[in-house]
């Protein structure tokens, strides 16, 4: 994609225009799948602490919201909890 962008920039824009204007394809649109797959993918990334909720919103073309810029790891499976107290044997 980068080569195509560079070629379009070179052929369509003058040298002075290239200083302030550039062609940039939105690869997310090309890779977009159905909404359920996208939601599942972003949920996995946010719940795994890979991206923030605001980064997921940005991938969807949505505005940022307050309080959604920190990474978090979802942990809800109590049966897998290996932290034991001193009284556990």
Protein backbone atom coordinates (compact mmCIF):
# COMPACT_ATOMS: atom_id res chain seq x y z
CA UNK A 1 0.00 0.00 0.00
CA UNK A 2 2.83 2.38 0.80
CA UNK A 3 4.25 2.08 -2.69
CA UNK A 4 0.87 2.92 -4.21
CA UNK A 5 0.47 5.93 -1.90
CA UNK A 6 3.94 7.18 -2.79
CA UNK A 7 3.30 6.76 -6.50
CA UNK A 8 0.01 8.66 -6.33
CA UNK A 9 1.65 11.41 -4.26
CA UNK A 10 4.47 11.70 -6.80
CA UNK A 11 2.24 11.74 -9.87
CA UNK A 12 -0.75 13.74 -8.63
CA UNK A 13 0.85 16.41 -6.42
CA UNK A 14 3.38 19.07 -7.23
CA UNK A 15 6.55 19.33 -5.13
CA UNK A 16 5.10 22.24 -3.15
CA UNK A 17 1.79 20.41 -2.59
CA UNK A 18 3.65 17.33 -1.30
CA UNK A 19 4.98 19.46 1.56
CA UNK A 20 1.49 19.83 3.05
CA UNK A 21 -0.75 17.28 1.32
CA UNK A 22 -0.38 13.51 1.09
CA UNK A 23 -2.40 10.49 0.03
CA UNK A 24 -2.99 7.95 2.80
CA UNK A 25 -5.19 4.88 2.32
CA UNK A 26 -7.18 3.70 5.33
CA UNK A 27 -6.13 0.06 5.52
CA UNK A 28 -8.76 -0.60 8.18
CA UNK A 29 -11.44 -0.17 5.52
CA UNK A 30 -9.76 -2.75 3.32
CA UNK A 31 -9.45 -5.22 6.18
CA UNK A 32 -12.93 -4.61 7.58
CA UNK A 33 -14.96 -7.76 8.15
CA UNK A 34 -18.44 -8.12 9.52
CA UNK A 35 -19.34 -6.17 12.65
CA UNK A 36 -19.43 -9.22 14.92
CA UNK A 37 -15.90 -10.24 13.93
CA UNK A 38 -14.63 -6.70 14.40
CA UNK A 39 -16.29 -6.41 17.82
CA UNK A 40 -14.84 -9.75 18.93
CA UNK A 41 -11.36 -8.81 17.68
CA UNK A 42 -11.36 -5.44 19.45
CA UNK A 43 -12.80 -6.95 22.64
CA UNK A 44 -10.00 -9.52 22.69
CA UNK A 45 -7.36 -6.83 22.22
CA UNK A 46 -8.78 -4.57 24.94
CA UNK A 47 -9.45 -7.39 27.43
CA UNK A 48 -5.91 -8.70 26.92
CA UNK A 49 -4.37 -5.30 27.69
CA UNK A 50 -2.97 -4.96 24.16
CA UNK A 51 -4.85 -1.76 23.27
CA UNK A 52 -6.84 0.77 25.27
CA UNK A 53 -10.56 1.28 24.83
CA UNK A 54 -9.84 4.63 23.16
CA UNK A 55 -7.48 2.94 20.69
CA UNK A 56 -10.29 0.51 19.84
CA UNK A 57 -12.67 3.44 19.41
CA UNK A 58 -10.16 5.13 17.11
CA UNK A 59 -9.99 1.97 14.96
CA UNK A 60 -13.77 2.23 14.60
CA UNK A 61 -13.57 5.90 13.66
CA UNK A 62 -15.14 7.04 16.94
CA UNK A 63 -14.12 9.90 19.22
CA UNK A 64 -12.15 9.31 22.39
CA UNK A 65 -13.92 9.25 25.75
CA UNK A 66 -12.58 10.35 29.12
CA UNK A 67 -11.07 7.60 31.28
CA UNK A 68 -10.48 5.09 28.47
CA UNK A 69 -6.75 5.59 27.87
CA UNK A 70 -5.38 3.00 30.29
CA UNK A 71 -4.65 -0.63 29.55
CA UNK A 72 -6.60 -3.21 31.50
CA UNK A 73 -6.64 -6.98 31.72
CA UNK A 74 -9.96 -8.65 32.31
CA UNK A 75 -9.84 -11.44 34.86
CA UNK A 76 -13.15 -13.00 35.71
CA UNK A 77 -12.42 -16.74 35.98
CA UNK A 78 -12.28 -17.21 39.75
CA UNK A 79 -11.65 -20.95 39.36
CA UNK A 80 -8.30 -20.20 37.71
CA UNK A 81 -7.20 -17.85 40.50
CA UNK A 82 -3.92 -19.22 41.87
CA UNK A 83 -3.43 -16.61 44.59
CA UNK A 84 -3.71 -18.34 47.94
CA UNK A 85 -3.88 -16.96 51.44
CA UNK A 86 -1.67 -18.11 54.31
CA UNK A 87 -4.53 -20.24 55.65
CA UNK A 88 -4.84 -22.27 52.43
CA UNK A 89 -2.95 -25.55 52.49
